[in-house]
Amino acid sequence: MNTIEIPIKEYKQSLQVQKSILSHLDFLQKMVFESSRDEITPSAMRRLEKISSKLDKGAGKRFSTIASFKKYLKEI
């Protein structure tokens, strides 16, 4: 296994960038959720919450092709 060494300063900077990106992503998720809440039916909302909770627990979903992924997204 190969290892890469980087300076501590660069490592700390990359951690700060990662935290910043995650906070921006969280903000965008909240904004989209709030703006689309009125447009989504309750049953669709429950499906999305179920998928979100599974992803938060680390469960994933694999797709063999891009077409199957697009089909999955349309079915949600």
N, C-alpha and C. Protein backbone atom coordinates (compact mmCIF):
# COMPACT_ATOMS: atom_id res chain seq x y z
N MET A 1 0.84 -1.18 0.00
CA MET A 1 0.00 0.00 0.00
C MET A 1 0.88 1.23 0.00
N ASN A 2 0.58 2.15 -0.86
CA ASN A 2 1.35 3.38 -0.96
C ASN A 2 0.80 4.43 -0.02
N THR A 3 1.68 5.19 0.57
CA THR A 3 1.26 6.29 1.43
C THR A 3 1.81 7.59 0.86
N ILE A 4 1.07 8.64 1.12
CA ILE A 4 1.48 9.97 0.65
C ILE A 4 1.64 10.85 1.87
N GLU A 5 2.75 11.55 1.92
CA GLU A 5 2.99 12.47 3.03
C GLU A 5 2.70 13.89 2.57
N ILE A 6 1.95 14.61 3.40
CA ILE A 6 1.69 16.02 3.13
C ILE A 6 2.01 16.79 4.40
N PRO A 7 2.37 18.04 4.26
CA PRO A 7 2.66 18.86 5.44
C PRO A 7 1.41 19.03 6.31
N ILE A 8 1.62 19.20 7.59
CA ILE A 8 0.51 19.36 8.54
C ILE A 8 -0.32 20.58 8.18
N LYS A 9 0.32 21.66 7.77
CA LYS A 9 -0.39 22.88 7.41
C LYS A 9 -1.36 22.59 6.26
N GLU A 10 -0.90 21.87 5.26
CA GLU A 10 -1.74 21.54 4.11
C GLU A 10 -2.88 20.61 4.53
N TYR A 11 -2.60 19.68 5.42
CA TYR A 11 -3.63 18.77 5.92
C TYR A 11 -4.71 19.53 6.68
N LYS A 12 -4.31 20.44 7.56
CA LYS A 12 -5.28 21.23 8.31
C LYS A 12 -6.10 22.12 7.39
N GLN A 13 -5.46 22.65 6.37
CA GLN A 13 -6.18 23.48 5.41
C GLN A 13 -7.21 22.65 4.66
N SER A 14 -6.86 21.43 4.28
CA SER A 14 -7.82 20.58 3.57
C SER A 14 -8.98 20.20 4.47
N LEU A 15 -8.73 20.03 5.77
CA LEU A 15 -9.83 19.75 6.71
C LEU A 15 -10.77 20.95 6.82
N GLN A 16 -10.21 22.15 6.84
CA GLN A 16 -11.04 23.35 6.89
C GLN A 16 -11.89 23.49 5.63
N VAL A 17 -11.30 23.21 4.50
CA VAL A 17 -12.05 23.27 3.24
C VAL A 17 -13.17 22.24 3.26
N GLN A 18 -12.87 21.05 3.75
CA GLN A 18 -13.88 20.00 3.83
C GLN A 18 -15.03 20.42 4.73
N LYS A 19 -14.73 20.99 5.88
CA LYS A 19 -15.78 21.46 6.79
C LYS A 19 -16.61 22.56 6.14
N SER A 20 -15.96 23.45 5.43
CA SER A 20 -16.66 24.54 4.75
C SER A 20 -17.60 23.98 3.69
N ILE A 21 -17.12 23.04 2.91
CA ILE A 21 -17.96 22.44 1.86
C ILE A 21 -19.15 21.72 2.47
N LEU A 22 -18.92 20.99 3.55
CA LEU A 22 -20.02 20.28 4.21
C LEU A 22 -21.06 21.25 4.78
N SER A 23 -20.61 22.36 5.33
CA SER A 23 -21.56 23.33 5.88
C SER A 23 -22.37 23.98 4.76
N HIS A 24 -21.71 24.28 3.63
CA HIS A 24 -22.43 24.84 2.49
C HIS A 24 -23.44 23.83 1.93
N LEU A 25 -23.03 22.58 1.88
CA LEU A 25 -23.93 21.53 1.39
C LEU A 25 -25.14 21.40 2.30
N ASP A 26 -24.91 21.44 3.60
CA ASP A 26 -26.01 21.36 4.56
C ASP A 26 -26.97 22.53 4.39
N PHE A 27 -26.42 23.72 4.20
CA PHE A 27 -27.25 24.91 3.97
C PHE A 27 -28.08 24.76 2.70
N LEU A 28 -27.46 24.29 1.62
CA LEU A 28 -28.18 24.11 0.36
C LEU A 28 -29.27 23.06 0.50
N GLN A 29 -28.98 21.98 1.22
CA GLN A 29 -29.99 20.95 1.43
C GLN A 29 -31.19 21.51 2.17
N LYS A 30 -30.94 22.32 3.18
CA LYS A 30 -32.04 22.92 3.94
C LYS A 30 -32.85 23.87 3.07
N MET A 31 -32.17 24.65 2.24
CA MET A 31 -32.87 25.60 1.38
C MET A 31 -33.74 24.86 0.36
N VAL A 32 -33.20 23.84 -0.25
CA VAL A 32 -33.96 23.07 -1.24
C VAL A 32 -35.13 22.38 -0.57
N PHE A 33 -34.87 21.82 0.61
CA PHE A 33 -35.93 21.12 1.33
C PHE A 33 -37.08 22.08 1.66
N GLU A 34 -36.75 23.25 2.17
CA GLU A 34 -37.78 24.21 2.54
C GLU A 34 -38.54 24.74 1.32
N SER A 35 -37.82 24.98 0.23
CA SER A 35 -38.50 25.54 -0.94
C SER A 35 -39.34 24.50 -1.67
N SER A 36 -38.97 23.24 -1.57
CA SER A 36 -39.71 22.20 -2.30
C SER A 36 -40.72 21.46 -1.43
N ARG A 37 -40.78 21.79 -0.19
CA ARG A 37 -41.67 21.08 0.73
C ARG A 37 -43.14 21.17 0.28
N ASP A 38 -43.55 22.31 -0.23
CA ASP A 38 -44.93 22.49 -0.67
C ASP A 38 -45.23 21.76 -1.98
N GLU A 39 -44.19 21.49 -2.77
CA GLU A 39 -44.39 20.88 -4.07
C GLU A 39 -44.37 19.35 -4.03
N ILE A 40 -43.87 18.77 -2.96
CA ILE A 40 -43.73 17.32 -2.86
C ILE A 40 -44.90 16.73 -2.09
N THR A 41 -45.45 15.66 -2.63
CA THR A 41 -46.57 15.00 -1.95
C THR A 41 -46.08 14.33 -0.68
N PRO A 42 -46.95 14.11 0.31
CA PRO A 42 -46.54 13.46 1.55
C PRO A 42 -45.97 12.06 1.34
N SER A 43 -46.51 11.30 0.42
CA SER A 43 -45.99 9.95 0.20
C SER A 43 -44.57 10.00 -0.39
N ALA A 44 -44.34 10.94 -1.29
CA ALA A 44 -42.99 11.10 -1.85
C ALA A 44 -42.02 11.57 -0.78
N MET A 45 -42.50 12.44 0.11
CA MET A 45 -41.65 12.93 1.20
C MET A 45 -41.23 11.77 2.11
N ARG A 46 -42.15 10.87 2.41
CA ARG A 46 -41.81 9.71 3.25
C ARG A 46 -40.78 8.82 2.56
N ARG A 47 -40.91 8.61 1.25
CA ARG A 47 -39.93 7.81 0.51
C ARG A 47 -38.56 8.46 0.57
N LEU A 48 -38.52 9.77 0.36
CA LEU A 48 -37.24 10.48 0.40
C LEU A 48 -36.60 10.43 1.79
N GLU A 49 -37.41 10.57 2.82
CA GLU A 49 -36.89 10.50 4.19
C GLU A 49 -36.36 9.10 4.49
N LYS A 50 -37.03 8.07 3.98
CA LYS A 50 -36.58 6.70 4.18
C LYS A 50 -35.23 6.48 3.50
N ILE A 51 -35.11 6.95 2.26
CA ILE A 51 -33.86 6.82 1.53
C ILE A 51 -32.75 7.60 2.24
N SER A 52 -33.07 8.80 2.70
CA SER A 52 -32.09 9.63 3.40
C SER A 52 -31.60 8.96 4.68
N SER A 53 -32.51 8.37 5.44
CA SER A 53 -32.10 7.71 6.69
C SER A 53 -31.22 6.50 6.41
N LYS A 54 -31.52 5.77 5.33
CA LYS A 54 -30.68 4.63 4.97
C LYS A 54 -29.27 5.09 4.58
N LEU A 55 -29.20 6.19 3.84
CA LEU A 55 -27.89 6.72 3.45
C LEU A 55 -27.11 7.21 4.67
N ASP A 56 -27.81 7.83 5.62
CA ASP A 56 -27.16 8.30 6.83
C ASP A 56 -26.59 7.14 7.64
N LYS A 57 -27.24 5.97 7.57
CA LYS A 57 -26.77 4.79 8.29
C LYS A 57 -25.64 4.07 7.55
N GLY A 58 -25.34 4.53 6.35
CA GLY A 58 -24.23 3.94 5.60
C GLY A 58 -24.66 2.94 4.54
N ALA A 59 -25.95 2.72 4.42
CA ALA A 59 -26.43 1.80 3.38
C ALA A 59 -26.31 2.49 2.03
N GLY A 60 -25.93 1.74 1.05
CA GLY A 60 -25.78 2.31 -0.28
C GLY A 60 -26.59 1.55 -1.30
N LYS A 61 -26.57 2.04 -2.49
CA LYS A 61 -27.27 1.38 -3.59
C LYS A 61 -26.34 1.41 -4.78
N ARG A 62 -26.20 0.26 -5.45
CA ARG A 62 -25.31 0.17 -6.60
C ARG A 62 -26.12 0.08 -7.88
N PHE A 63 -25.57 0.65 -8.92
CA PHE A 63 -26.21 0.64 -10.22
C PHE A 63 -25.21 0.11 -11.23
N SER A 64 -25.69 -0.75 -12.10
CA SER A 64 -24.80 -1.34 -13.11
C SER A 64 -24.61 -0.43 -14.31
N THR A 65 -25.61 0.39 -14.58
CA THR A 65 -25.52 1.32 -15.72
C THR A 65 -26.06 2.68 -15.32
N ILE A 66 -25.72 3.65 -16.11
CA ILE A 66 -26.22 5.00 -15.87
C ILE A 66 -27.72 5.04 -16.12
N ALA A 67 -28.17 4.26 -17.08
CA ALA A 67 -29.61 4.23 -17.39
C ALA A 67 -30.41 3.71 -16.19
N SER A 68 -29.89 2.69 -15.51
CA SER A 68 -30.60 2.18 -14.33
C SER A 68 -30.62 3.21 -13.21
N PHE A 69 -29.54 4.00 -13.10
CA PHE A 69 -29.50 5.06 -12.10
C PHE A 69 -30.54 6.14 -12.41
N LYS A 70 -30.61 6.54 -13.69
CA LYS A 70 -31.60 7.55 -14.09
C LYS A 70 -33.01 7.04 -13.88
N LYS A 71 -33.24 5.78 -14.16
CA LYS A 71 -34.56 5.18 -13.95
C LYS A 71 -34.93 5.21 -12.46
N TYR A 72 -33.96 4.89 -11.61
CA TYR A 72 -34.19 4.92 -10.17
C TYR A 72 -34.56 6.32 -9.70
N LEU A 73 -33.84 7.34 -10.20
CA LEU A 73 -34.13 8.72 -9.82
C LEU A 73 -35.50 9.15 -10.28
N LYS A 74 -35.93 8.73 -11.47
CA LYS A 74 -37.25 9.09 -11.95
C LYS A 74 -38.35 8.42 -11.13
N GLU A 75 -38.08 7.22 -10.62
CA GLU A 75 -39.09 6.50 -9.84
C GLU A 75 -39.26 7.07 -8.45
N ILE A 76 -38.26 7.78 -7.97
CA ILE A 76 -38.37 8.38 -6.64
C ILE A 76 -39.39 9.47 -6.73
